[in-house]
């Protein structure tokens, strides 16, 4: 069972690392999500720093301090916060973009975050009940592996977005190139021969 606990902790740490770094990197996207939820002013400024910081700290704690109870409690609290954001989104006047894993995703906040709450709680209980028995030095190696895997997944997302955008770039390039028959047609429309 400790293998399952280590796997769950590593996967959650990877998700939180991607989410935290993306919220810091694309702060405007996360700010837009908070605005869509009706959170503005000082609370928004606080959450723009607090949420990604908490995600990164909990991710590190899951790997570097697996026997401590605060990382598991942090997973449960984050799950509750994500579900609350989903509920706030459902009450909003318009759909709210989910910047959970960065600006490159085009998902919406809502029932998915609420439905995932039991999984967050179950993961927190598993991690707390069966902590991984590795020392901090081994935890550093695992953390390096998780960060590398997270970066690899992010690279795949970036490559996919680049490919999708290549069609748009090609269309813009074609549209911005004047062709002789287009110029002649424009002259005819303007009344010039």
N, C-alpha and C. Protein backbone atom coordinates (compact mmCIF):
# COMPACT_ATOMS: atom_id res chain seq x y z
N UNK A 1 0.81 -1.20 0.00
CA UNK A 1 0.00 0.00 0.00
C UNK A 1 0.85 1.26 0.00
N UNK A 2 2.07 1.20 0.55
CA UNK A 2 2.89 2.41 0.53
C UNK A 2 3.30 2.77 -0.89
N UNK A 3 3.35 1.77 -1.78
CA UNK A 3 3.64 2.07 -3.18
C UNK A 3 2.49 2.89 -3.77
N UNK A 4 1.25 2.51 -3.46
CA UNK A 4 0.09 3.26 -3.91
C UNK A 4 0.10 4.67 -3.33
N UNK A 5 0.43 4.79 -2.06
CA UNK A 5 0.50 6.10 -1.41
C UNK A 5 1.58 6.96 -2.06
N UNK A 6 2.73 6.37 -2.36
CA UNK A 6 3.82 7.11 -3.01
C UNK A 6 3.40 7.56 -4.40
N UNK A 7 2.71 6.69 -5.13
CA UNK A 7 2.24 7.03 -6.46
C UNK A 7 1.22 8.16 -6.41
N UNK A 8 0.25 8.06 -5.50
CA UNK A 8 -0.77 9.10 -5.36
C UNK A 8 -0.14 10.42 -4.96
N UNK A 9 0.77 10.39 -4.00
CA UNK A 9 1.44 11.62 -3.56
C UNK A 9 2.24 12.24 -4.70
N UNK A 10 2.91 11.40 -5.48
CA UNK A 10 3.71 11.92 -6.60
C UNK A 10 2.85 12.53 -7.69
N UNK A 11 1.74 11.88 -8.01
CA UNK A 11 0.84 12.40 -9.04
C UNK A 11 0.23 13.73 -8.59
N UNK A 12 -0.24 13.76 -7.34
CA UNK A 12 -0.82 15.01 -6.83
C UNK A 12 0.23 16.11 -6.78
N UNK A 13 1.43 15.77 -6.36
CA UNK A 13 2.51 16.76 -6.34
C UNK A 13 2.76 17.30 -7.75
N UNK A 14 2.77 16.42 -8.74
CA UNK A 14 2.97 16.86 -10.12
C UNK A 14 1.87 17.80 -10.59
N UNK A 15 0.63 17.46 -10.28
CA UNK A 15 -0.51 18.31 -10.66
C UNK A 15 -0.39 19.67 -9.98
N UNK A 16 -0.05 19.67 -8.70
CA UNK A 16 0.06 20.93 -7.96
C UNK A 16 1.25 21.77 -8.44
N UNK A 17 2.32 21.12 -8.83
CA UNK A 17 3.48 21.87 -9.37
C UNK A 17 3.10 22.56 -10.67
N UNK A 18 2.44 21.82 -11.56
CA UNK A 18 2.01 22.42 -12.83
C UNK A 18 1.02 23.55 -12.56
N UNK A 19 0.03 23.28 -11.72
CA UNK A 19 -0.97 24.31 -11.41
C UNK A 19 -0.38 25.54 -10.77
N UNK A 20 0.49 25.35 -9.79
CA UNK A 20 1.10 26.49 -9.10
C UNK A 20 1.99 27.32 -10.00
N UNK A 21 2.85 26.65 -10.77
CA UNK A 21 3.75 27.41 -11.64
C UNK A 21 2.98 28.12 -12.74
N UNK A 22 1.95 27.47 -13.27
CA UNK A 22 1.16 28.10 -14.33
C UNK A 22 0.37 29.30 -13.80
N UNK A 23 -0.12 29.22 -12.57
CA UNK A 23 -0.84 30.37 -12.01
C UNK A 23 0.11 31.54 -11.81
N UNK A 24 1.34 31.27 -11.41
CA UNK A 24 2.33 32.35 -11.29
C UNK A 24 2.71 32.87 -12.68
N UNK A 25 2.92 31.96 -13.64
CA UNK A 25 3.37 32.36 -14.96
C UNK A 25 2.32 33.18 -15.70
N UNK A 26 1.10 32.72 -15.67
CA UNK A 26 0.03 33.42 -16.39
C UNK A 26 -0.93 34.05 -15.38
N UNK A 27 -0.41 35.00 -14.64
CA UNK A 27 -1.18 35.64 -13.58
C UNK A 27 -2.46 36.29 -14.08
N UNK A 28 -2.44 36.83 -15.29
CA UNK A 28 -3.62 37.50 -15.83
C UNK A 28 -4.76 36.49 -16.04
N UNK A 29 -4.43 35.28 -16.45
CA UNK A 29 -5.44 34.24 -16.66
C UNK A 29 -6.09 33.87 -15.32
N UNK A 30 -5.26 33.69 -14.30
CA UNK A 30 -5.78 33.34 -12.98
C UNK A 30 -6.59 34.51 -12.41
N UNK A 31 -6.13 35.73 -12.65
CA UNK A 31 -6.88 36.91 -12.20
C UNK A 31 -8.24 36.95 -12.90
N UNK A 32 -8.29 36.60 -14.17
CA UNK A 32 -9.56 36.56 -14.91
C UNK A 32 -10.52 35.53 -14.33
N UNK A 33 -9.98 34.40 -13.92
CA UNK A 33 -10.81 33.37 -13.29
C UNK A 33 -11.38 33.90 -11.97
N UNK A 34 -10.51 34.53 -11.17
CA UNK A 34 -10.98 35.08 -9.89
C UNK A 34 -12.03 36.16 -10.10
N UNK A 35 -11.82 37.02 -11.10
CA UNK A 35 -12.80 38.06 -11.42
C UNK A 35 -14.12 37.42 -11.83
N UNK A 36 -14.06 36.38 -12.65
CA UNK A 36 -15.26 35.67 -13.06
C UNK A 36 -16.02 35.07 -11.89
N UNK A 37 -15.29 34.73 -10.82
CA UNK A 37 -15.92 34.19 -9.62
C UNK A 37 -16.43 35.29 -8.69
N UNK A 38 -16.19 36.55 -9.08
CA UNK A 38 -16.64 37.67 -8.25
C UNK A 38 -15.65 38.09 -7.19
N UNK A 39 -14.41 37.64 -7.31
CA UNK A 39 -13.37 37.97 -6.33
C UNK A 39 -12.49 39.06 -6.94
N UNK A 40 -12.54 40.25 -6.37
CA UNK A 40 -11.77 41.39 -6.88
C UNK A 40 -11.04 42.08 -5.74
N UNK A 41 -10.29 43.11 -6.09
CA UNK A 41 -9.62 43.94 -5.10
C UNK A 41 -8.56 43.20 -4.30
N UNK A 42 -8.49 43.53 -3.00
CA UNK A 42 -7.47 42.93 -2.13
C UNK A 42 -7.59 41.41 -2.05
N UNK A 43 -8.81 40.85 -1.90
CA UNK A 43 -8.88 39.37 -1.85
C UNK A 43 -8.28 38.72 -3.11
N UNK A 44 -8.51 39.32 -4.28
CA UNK A 44 -7.94 38.77 -5.50
C UNK A 44 -6.42 38.85 -5.48
N UNK A 45 -5.89 40.01 -5.07
CA UNK A 45 -4.43 40.17 -5.01
C UNK A 45 -3.82 39.15 -4.05
N UNK A 46 -4.49 38.91 -2.93
CA UNK A 46 -4.00 37.93 -1.95
C UNK A 46 -4.04 36.52 -2.54
N UNK A 47 -5.17 36.14 -3.15
CA UNK A 47 -5.31 34.79 -3.69
C UNK A 47 -4.39 34.52 -4.87
N UNK A 48 -4.07 35.56 -5.64
CA UNK A 48 -3.15 35.38 -6.77
C UNK A 48 -1.77 34.92 -6.30
N UNK A 49 -1.40 35.26 -5.07
CA UNK A 49 -0.13 34.80 -4.51
C UNK A 49 -0.33 33.56 -3.64
N UNK A 50 -1.39 33.57 -2.82
CA UNK A 50 -1.59 32.51 -1.83
C UNK A 50 -1.89 31.15 -2.46
N UNK A 51 -2.75 31.10 -3.47
CA UNK A 51 -3.15 29.80 -4.04
C UNK A 51 -1.97 29.09 -4.69
N UNK A 52 -1.24 29.74 -5.62
CA UNK A 52 -0.12 29.00 -6.22
C UNK A 52 1.00 28.72 -5.21
N UNK A 53 1.20 29.61 -4.25
CA UNK A 53 2.21 29.34 -3.22
C UNK A 53 1.83 28.12 -2.40
N UNK A 54 0.55 28.02 -2.04
CA UNK A 54 0.08 26.86 -1.28
C UNK A 54 0.22 25.58 -2.11
N UNK A 55 -0.12 25.66 -3.40
CA UNK A 55 0.01 24.48 -4.25
C UNK A 55 1.45 23.99 -4.30
N UNK A 56 2.39 24.91 -4.48
CA UNK A 56 3.81 24.52 -4.55
C UNK A 56 4.33 24.02 -3.21
N UNK A 57 3.93 24.67 -2.12
CA UNK A 57 4.38 24.24 -0.79
C UNK A 57 3.83 22.85 -0.46
N UNK A 58 2.57 22.61 -0.76
CA UNK A 58 1.98 21.30 -0.47
C UNK A 58 2.62 20.22 -1.34
N UNK A 59 2.88 20.55 -2.61
CA UNK A 59 3.56 19.59 -3.49
C UNK A 59 4.91 19.21 -2.92
N UNK A 60 5.68 20.21 -2.48
CA UNK A 60 6.99 19.92 -1.89
C UNK A 60 6.84 19.11 -0.61
N UNK A 61 5.86 19.46 0.20
CA UNK A 61 5.64 18.73 1.45
C UNK A 61 5.26 17.28 1.23
N UNK A 62 4.47 17.01 0.20
CA UNK A 62 4.08 15.63 -0.09
C UNK A 62 5.29 14.75 -0.38
N UNK A 63 6.30 15.34 -0.97
CA UNK A 63 7.48 14.56 -1.37
C UNK A 63 8.59 14.63 -0.33
N UNK A 64 8.80 15.82 0.25
CA UNK A 64 9.94 15.99 1.16
C UNK A 64 9.61 15.69 2.62
N UNK A 65 8.34 15.80 2.99
CA UNK A 65 7.94 15.53 4.38
C UNK A 65 6.71 14.61 4.38
N UNK A 66 6.85 13.41 3.81
CA UNK A 66 5.68 12.54 3.65
C UNK A 66 5.06 12.07 4.97
N UNK A 67 5.83 12.04 6.04
CA UNK A 67 5.29 11.57 7.32
C UNK A 67 4.55 12.69 8.07
N UNK A 68 4.76 13.93 7.67
CA UNK A 68 4.07 15.04 8.32
C UNK A 68 2.60 15.03 7.92
N UNK A 69 1.75 15.52 8.80
CA UNK A 69 0.32 15.50 8.50
C UNK A 69 -0.13 16.72 7.71
N UNK A 70 0.65 17.82 7.70
CA UNK A 70 0.20 19.04 7.03
C UNK A 70 0.08 18.91 5.51
N UNK A 71 0.94 18.14 4.82
CA UNK A 71 0.72 18.03 3.37
C UNK A 71 -0.60 17.35 3.02
N UNK A 72 -0.96 16.29 3.75
CA UNK A 72 -2.23 15.61 3.50
C UNK A 72 -3.40 16.54 3.81
N UNK A 73 -3.30 17.27 4.91
CA UNK A 73 -4.35 18.23 5.25
C UNK A 73 -4.45 19.31 4.17
N UNK A 74 -3.30 19.72 3.65
CA UNK A 74 -3.28 20.72 2.58
C UNK A 74 -3.97 20.22 1.32
N UNK A 75 -3.79 18.94 1.00
CA UNK A 75 -4.46 18.36 -0.17
C UNK A 75 -5.97 18.43 0.02
N UNK A 76 -6.44 18.08 1.22
CA UNK A 76 -7.88 18.13 1.49
C UNK A 76 -8.41 19.56 1.40
N UNK A 77 -7.67 20.51 1.96
CA UNK A 77 -8.10 21.92 1.93
C UNK A 77 -8.13 22.43 0.49
N UNK A 78 -7.11 22.11 -0.30
CA UNK A 78 -7.11 22.54 -1.70
C UNK A 78 -8.30 21.91 -2.45
N UNK A 79 -8.58 20.66 -2.19
CA UNK A 79 -9.74 20.01 -2.82
C UNK A 79 -11.03 20.75 -2.48
N UNK A 80 -11.17 21.14 -1.22
CA UNK A 80 -12.35 21.91 -0.80
C UNK A 80 -12.40 23.27 -1.51
N UNK A 81 -11.26 23.92 -1.62
CA UNK A 81 -11.20 25.23 -2.31
C UNK A 81 -11.55 25.09 -3.79
N UNK A 82 -11.05 24.05 -4.43
CA UNK A 82 -11.35 23.83 -5.85
C UNK A 82 -12.85 23.56 -6.04
N UNK A 83 -13.44 22.76 -5.13
CA UNK A 83 -14.87 22.48 -5.21
C UNK A 83 -15.68 23.75 -4.97
N UNK A 84 -15.24 24.58 -4.02
CA UNK A 84 -15.93 25.84 -3.76
C UNK A 84 -15.87 26.75 -5.00
N UNK A 85 -14.72 26.76 -5.67
CA UNK A 85 -14.61 27.55 -6.91
C UNK A 85 -15.57 27.02 -7.97
N UNK A 86 -15.70 25.70 -8.06
CA UNK A 86 -16.65 25.11 -9.00
C UNK A 86 -18.08 25.53 -8.69
N UNK A 87 -18.44 25.53 -7.40
CA UNK A 87 -19.79 25.95 -7.01
C UNK A 87 -20.02 27.43 -7.29
N UNK A 88 -19.02 28.27 -7.00
CA UNK A 88 -19.14 29.70 -7.31
C UNK A 88 -19.33 29.91 -8.80
N UNK A 89 -18.63 29.13 -9.60
CA UNK A 89 -18.74 29.25 -11.05
C UNK A 89 -20.15 28.89 -11.52
N UNK A 90 -20.72 27.87 -10.91
CA UNK A 90 -22.07 27.46 -11.29
C UNK A 90 -23.10 28.54 -10.98
N UNK A 91 -22.81 29.37 -10.00
CA UNK A 91 -23.72 30.46 -9.62
C UNK A 91 -23.45 31.74 -10.40
N UNK A 92 -22.35 31.79 -11.13
CA UNK A 92 -21.99 33.00 -11.88
C UNK A 92 -22.95 33.20 -13.05
N UNK A 93 -23.03 34.46 -13.50
CA UNK A 93 -23.92 34.80 -14.61
C UNK A 93 -23.46 34.23 -15.95
N UNK A 94 -22.17 33.96 -16.06
CA UNK A 94 -21.61 33.45 -17.30
C UNK A 94 -20.54 32.41 -16.97
N UNK A 95 -20.20 31.54 -17.91
CA UNK A 95 -19.18 30.51 -17.64
C UNK A 95 -17.85 31.15 -17.24
N UNK A 96 -17.17 30.51 -16.31
CA UNK A 96 -15.88 31.01 -15.82
C UNK A 96 -14.79 30.07 -16.31
N UNK A 97 -13.80 30.65 -16.98
CA UNK A 97 -12.67 29.85 -17.49
C UNK A 97 -11.88 29.28 -16.32
N UNK A 98 -11.48 28.04 -16.46
CA UNK A 98 -10.68 27.37 -15.44
C UNK A 98 -9.21 27.56 -15.77
N UNK A 99 -8.50 28.25 -14.91
CA UNK A 99 -7.06 28.40 -15.10
C UNK A 99 -6.32 27.46 -14.16
N UNK A 100 -6.94 26.31 -13.88
CA UNK A 100 -6.39 25.34 -12.94
C UNK A 100 -4.97 24.92 -13.31
N UNK A 101 -4.77 24.64 -14.58
CA UNK A 101 -3.45 24.19 -15.03
C UNK A 101 -2.84 25.15 -16.04
N UNK A 102 -3.28 26.40 -15.99
CA UNK A 102 -2.68 27.42 -16.84
C UNK A 102 -3.60 27.92 -17.92
N UNK A 103 -3.09 28.92 -18.63
CA UNK A 103 -3.88 29.59 -19.65
C UNK A 103 -4.06 28.74 -20.90
N UNK A 104 -3.25 27.71 -21.08
CA UNK A 104 -3.34 26.91 -22.30
C UNK A 104 -4.56 25.99 -22.31
N UNK A 105 -5.17 25.79 -21.14
CA UNK A 105 -6.36 24.95 -21.12
C UNK A 105 -7.58 25.81 -21.40
N UNK A 106 -8.59 25.23 -21.98
CA UNK A 106 -9.81 25.98 -22.28
C UNK A 106 -11.02 25.36 -21.61
N UNK A 107 -10.83 24.80 -20.43
CA UNK A 107 -11.91 24.19 -19.68
C UNK A 107 -12.64 25.26 -18.86
N UNK A 108 -13.81 24.88 -18.37
CA UNK A 108 -14.59 25.78 -17.54
C UNK A 108 -14.69 25.23 -16.13
N UNK A 109 -14.78 26.12 -15.16
CA UNK A 109 -15.02 25.71 -13.78
C UNK A 109 -16.47 25.25 -13.65
N UNK A 110 -16.70 24.30 -12.76
CA UNK A 110 -18.08 23.86 -12.55
C UNK A 110 -18.17 22.52 -11.85
N UNK A 111 -19.03 21.67 -12.38
CA UNK A 111 -19.32 20.40 -11.74
C UNK A 111 -18.10 19.49 -11.64
N UNK A 112 -17.17 19.61 -12.58
CA UNK A 112 -15.99 18.73 -12.53
C UNK A 112 -15.21 18.92 -11.24
N UNK A 113 -15.02 20.19 -10.81
CA UNK A 113 -14.29 20.45 -9.57
C UNK A 113 -15.06 19.92 -8.36
N UNK A 114 -16.37 20.02 -8.41
CA UNK A 114 -17.20 19.50 -7.31
C UNK A 114 -17.11 17.98 -7.28
N UNK A 115 -17.19 17.35 -8.45
CA UNK A 115 -17.15 15.90 -8.53
C UNK A 115 -15.80 15.33 -8.11
N UNK A 116 -14.73 16.10 -8.28
CA UNK A 116 -13.40 15.62 -7.91
C UNK A 116 -13.12 15.72 -6.41
N UNK A 117 -13.96 16.41 -5.66
CA UNK A 117 -13.73 16.58 -4.22
C UNK A 117 -13.55 15.25 -3.49
N UNK A 118 -14.40 14.25 -3.70
CA UNK A 118 -14.17 12.97 -2.99
C UNK A 118 -12.81 12.35 -3.30
N UNK A 119 -12.33 12.53 -4.53
CA UNK A 119 -11.00 11.99 -4.86
C UNK A 119 -9.89 12.73 -4.11
N UNK A 120 -10.01 14.06 -4.00
CA UNK A 120 -9.02 14.83 -3.24
C UNK A 120 -9.01 14.37 -1.77
N UNK A 121 -10.20 14.20 -1.20
CA UNK A 121 -10.31 13.78 0.20
C UNK A 121 -9.76 12.36 0.38
N UNK A 122 -10.11 11.45 -0.53
CA UNK A 122 -9.61 10.07 -0.44
C UNK A 122 -8.09 10.04 -0.56
N UNK A 123 -7.55 10.85 -1.45
CA UNK A 123 -6.09 10.91 -1.60
C UNK A 123 -5.44 11.44 -0.33
N UNK A 124 -6.04 12.46 0.26
CA UNK A 124 -5.49 13.03 1.50
C UNK A 124 -5.50 11.99 2.63
N UNK A 125 -6.60 11.23 2.73
CA UNK A 125 -6.70 10.20 3.77
C UNK A 125 -5.66 9.11 3.53
N UNK A 126 -5.53 8.67 2.29
CA UNK A 126 -4.55 7.62 1.97
C UNK A 126 -3.13 8.09 2.30
N UNK A 127 -2.80 9.30 1.90
CA UNK A 127 -1.45 9.83 2.15
C UNK A 127 -1.19 9.97 3.64
N UNK A 128 -2.21 10.38 4.39
CA UNK A 128 -2.04 10.55 5.84
C UNK A 128 -1.95 9.20 6.55
N UNK A 129 -2.78 8.24 6.16
CA UNK A 129 -2.82 6.94 6.83
C UNK A 129 -1.62 6.06 6.50
N UNK A 130 -1.08 6.21 5.30
CA UNK A 130 0.04 5.38 4.86
C UNK A 130 1.15 6.25 4.31
N UNK A 131 1.82 7.01 5.17
CA UNK A 131 2.88 7.89 4.67
C UNK A 131 4.04 7.08 4.07
N UNK A 132 4.64 7.69 3.09
CA UNK A 132 5.78 7.05 2.42
C UNK A 132 6.98 7.12 3.35
N UNK A 133 7.70 6.01 3.56
CA UNK A 133 8.78 5.99 4.54
C UNK A 133 10.16 6.40 4.02
N UNK A 134 10.23 7.24 3.00
CA UNK A 134 11.56 7.58 2.50
C UNK A 134 12.13 8.77 3.25
N UNK A 135 13.46 8.84 3.30
CA UNK A 135 14.12 10.00 3.94
C UNK A 135 14.08 11.21 3.00
N UNK A 136 14.39 12.37 3.55
CA UNK A 136 14.35 13.62 2.77
C UNK A 136 15.28 13.55 1.56
N UNK A 137 16.43 12.89 1.69
CA UNK A 137 17.36 12.81 0.57
C UNK A 137 16.74 12.05 -0.61
N UNK A 138 16.03 10.98 -0.33
CA UNK A 138 15.34 10.25 -1.40
C UNK A 138 14.15 11.08 -1.91
N UNK A 139 13.53 11.81 -1.00
CA UNK A 139 12.43 12.69 -1.39
C UNK A 139 12.88 13.75 -2.38
N UNK A 140 14.10 14.26 -2.21
CA UNK A 140 14.64 15.24 -3.17
C UNK A 140 14.77 14.63 -4.56
N UNK A 141 15.20 13.37 -4.62
CA UNK A 141 15.30 12.70 -5.92
C UNK A 141 13.92 12.51 -6.55
N UNK A 142 12.95 12.13 -5.73
CA UNK A 142 11.59 11.95 -6.24
C UNK A 142 11.02 13.29 -6.69
N UNK A 143 11.28 14.35 -5.91
CA UNK A 143 10.80 15.68 -6.28
C UNK A 143 11.40 16.12 -7.61
N UNK A 144 12.69 15.85 -7.80
CA UNK A 144 13.32 16.19 -9.08
C UNK A 144 12.66 15.42 -10.23
N UNK A 145 12.34 14.16 -9.99
CA UNK A 145 11.67 13.35 -11.01
C UNK A 145 10.27 13.89 -11.31
N UNK A 146 9.53 14.27 -10.25
CA UNK A 146 8.18 14.80 -10.43
C UNK A 146 8.22 16.12 -11.19
N UNK A 147 9.16 16.99 -10.83
CA UNK A 147 9.29 18.28 -11.54
C UNK A 147 9.64 18.05 -13.00
N UNK A 148 10.54 17.13 -13.27
CA UNK A 148 10.93 16.82 -14.65
C UNK A 148 9.75 16.26 -15.43
N UNK A 149 9.00 15.35 -14.82
CA UNK A 149 7.82 14.79 -15.49
C UNK A 149 6.78 15.87 -15.74
N UNK A 150 6.59 16.77 -14.77
CA UNK A 150 5.63 17.87 -14.94
C UNK A 150 6.06 18.78 -16.08
N UNK A 151 7.35 19.06 -16.15
CA UNK A 151 7.86 19.90 -17.24
C UNK A 151 7.67 19.21 -18.59
N UNK A 152 7.87 17.90 -18.62
CA UNK A 152 7.66 17.14 -19.85
C UNK A 152 6.21 17.20 -20.30
N UNK A 153 5.28 17.06 -19.36
CA UNK A 153 3.86 17.15 -19.70
C UNK A 153 3.52 18.55 -20.19
N UNK A 154 4.12 19.55 -19.57
CA UNK A 154 3.89 20.93 -20.00
C UNK A 154 4.45 21.15 -21.41
N UNK A 155 5.60 20.56 -21.69
CA UNK A 155 6.19 20.69 -23.02
C UNK A 155 5.27 20.08 -24.08
N UNK A 156 4.66 18.95 -23.76
CA UNK A 156 3.71 18.34 -24.70
C UNK A 156 2.54 19.28 -24.95
N UNK A 157 2.05 19.93 -23.90
CA UNK A 157 0.94 20.88 -24.03
C UNK A 157 1.34 22.06 -24.90
N UNK A 158 2.56 22.55 -24.72
CA UNK A 158 3.04 23.68 -25.51
C UNK A 158 3.19 23.29 -26.97
N UNK A 159 3.73 22.11 -27.23
CA UNK A 159 3.90 21.65 -28.62
C UNK A 159 2.54 21.49 -29.29
N UNK A 160 1.58 20.95 -28.56
CA UNK A 160 0.23 20.78 -29.11
C UNK A 160 -0.38 22.15 -29.44
N UNK A 161 -0.21 23.12 -28.56
CA UNK A 161 -0.75 24.47 -28.81
C UNK A 161 -0.03 25.11 -30.00
N UNK A 162 1.28 24.89 -30.12
CA UNK A 162 2.04 25.45 -31.24
C UNK A 162 1.53 24.87 -32.55
N UNK A 163 1.26 23.56 -32.56
CA UNK A 163 0.73 22.93 -33.78
C UNK A 163 -0.64 23.50 -34.13
N UNK A 164 -1.50 23.65 -33.13
CA UNK A 164 -2.83 24.22 -33.38
C UNK A 164 -2.72 25.63 -33.93
N UNK A 165 -1.79 26.39 -33.39
CA UNK A 165 -1.62 27.77 -33.84
C UNK A 165 -0.97 27.86 -35.22
N UNK A 166 -0.29 26.81 -35.66
CA UNK A 166 0.37 26.88 -36.96
C UNK A 166 -0.66 27.05 -38.08
N UNK A 167 -1.83 26.46 -37.93
CA UNK A 167 -2.88 26.63 -38.94
C UNK A 167 -3.33 28.09 -38.98
N UNK A 168 -3.43 28.70 -37.80
CA UNK A 168 -3.82 30.11 -37.75
C UNK A 168 -2.73 31.00 -38.36
N UNK A 169 -1.47 30.67 -38.05
CA UNK A 169 -0.38 31.46 -38.63
C UNK A 169 -0.38 31.36 -40.15
N UNK A 170 -0.63 30.17 -40.67
CA UNK A 170 -0.65 29.98 -42.12
C UNK A 170 -1.80 30.77 -42.75
N UNK A 171 -2.96 30.76 -42.11
CA UNK A 171 -4.11 31.50 -42.64
C UNK A 171 -3.84 33.00 -42.63
N UNK A 172 -3.21 33.49 -41.57
CA UNK A 172 -2.88 34.92 -41.49
C UNK A 172 -1.86 35.28 -42.57
N UNK A 173 -0.88 34.41 -42.75
CA UNK A 173 0.14 34.66 -43.77
C UNK A 173 -0.48 34.70 -45.16
N UNK A 174 -1.39 33.78 -45.44
CA UNK A 174 -2.04 33.76 -46.74
C UNK A 174 -2.93 34.98 -46.93
N UNK A 175 -3.62 35.37 -45.87
CA UNK A 175 -4.52 36.52 -45.96
C UNK A 175 -3.75 37.84 -46.11
N UNK A 176 -2.54 37.88 -45.59
CA UNK A 176 -1.79 39.13 -45.65
C UNK A 176 -0.96 39.25 -46.93
N UNK A 177 -0.92 38.22 -47.73
CA UNK A 177 -0.20 38.25 -48.99
C UNK A 177 -1.15 38.72 -50.09
N UNK A 178 -0.81 39.85 -50.73
CA UNK A 178 -1.63 40.35 -51.83
C UNK A 178 -1.32 39.56 -53.09
N UNK A 179 -2.34 39.10 -53.71
CA UNK A 179 -2.18 38.37 -54.96
C UNK A 179 -2.61 39.31 -56.10
N UNK A 180 -2.01 39.18 -57.28
CA UNK A 180 -2.33 40.07 -58.39
C UNK A 180 -3.81 40.12 -58.73
N UNK A 181 -4.50 38.96 -58.70
CA UNK A 181 -5.92 38.98 -59.04
C UNK A 181 -6.74 39.70 -57.97
N UNK A 182 -6.27 39.68 -56.70
CA UNK A 182 -6.96 40.42 -55.65
C UNK A 182 -6.80 41.92 -55.86
N UNK A 183 -5.60 42.34 -56.23
CA UNK A 183 -5.34 43.76 -56.46
C UNK A 183 -6.19 44.25 -57.63
N UNK A 184 -6.25 43.47 -58.71
CA UNK A 184 -7.06 43.84 -59.88
C UNK A 184 -8.53 43.93 -59.48
N UNK A 185 -9.01 42.99 -58.67
CA UNK A 185 -10.38 43.01 -58.20
C UNK A 185 -10.68 44.22 -57.34
N UNK A 186 -9.73 44.62 -56.50
CA UNK A 186 -9.91 45.81 -55.68
C UNK A 186 -10.00 47.06 -56.53
N UNK A 187 -9.19 47.12 -57.59
CA UNK A 187 -9.24 48.26 -58.49
C UNK A 187 -10.59 48.36 -59.20
N UNK A 188 -11.14 47.20 -59.60
CA UNK A 188 -12.43 47.18 -60.26
C UNK A 188 -13.54 47.64 -59.31
N UNK A 189 -13.46 47.25 -58.06
CA UNK A 189 -14.45 47.65 -57.06
C UNK A 189 -14.37 49.15 -56.84
N UNK A 190 -13.17 49.67 -56.83
CA UNK A 190 -12.97 51.10 -56.60
C UNK A 190 -13.29 51.94 -57.84
N UNK A 191 -13.61 51.32 -58.95
CA UNK A 191 -13.96 52.03 -60.16
C UNK A 191 -12.77 52.39 -61.03
N UNK A 192 -11.60 51.85 -60.70
CA UNK A 192 -10.41 52.15 -61.49
C UNK A 192 -10.16 50.98 -62.42
N UNK A 193 -9.73 51.26 -63.62
CA UNK A 193 -9.45 50.21 -64.61
C UNK A 193 -7.97 50.15 -64.88
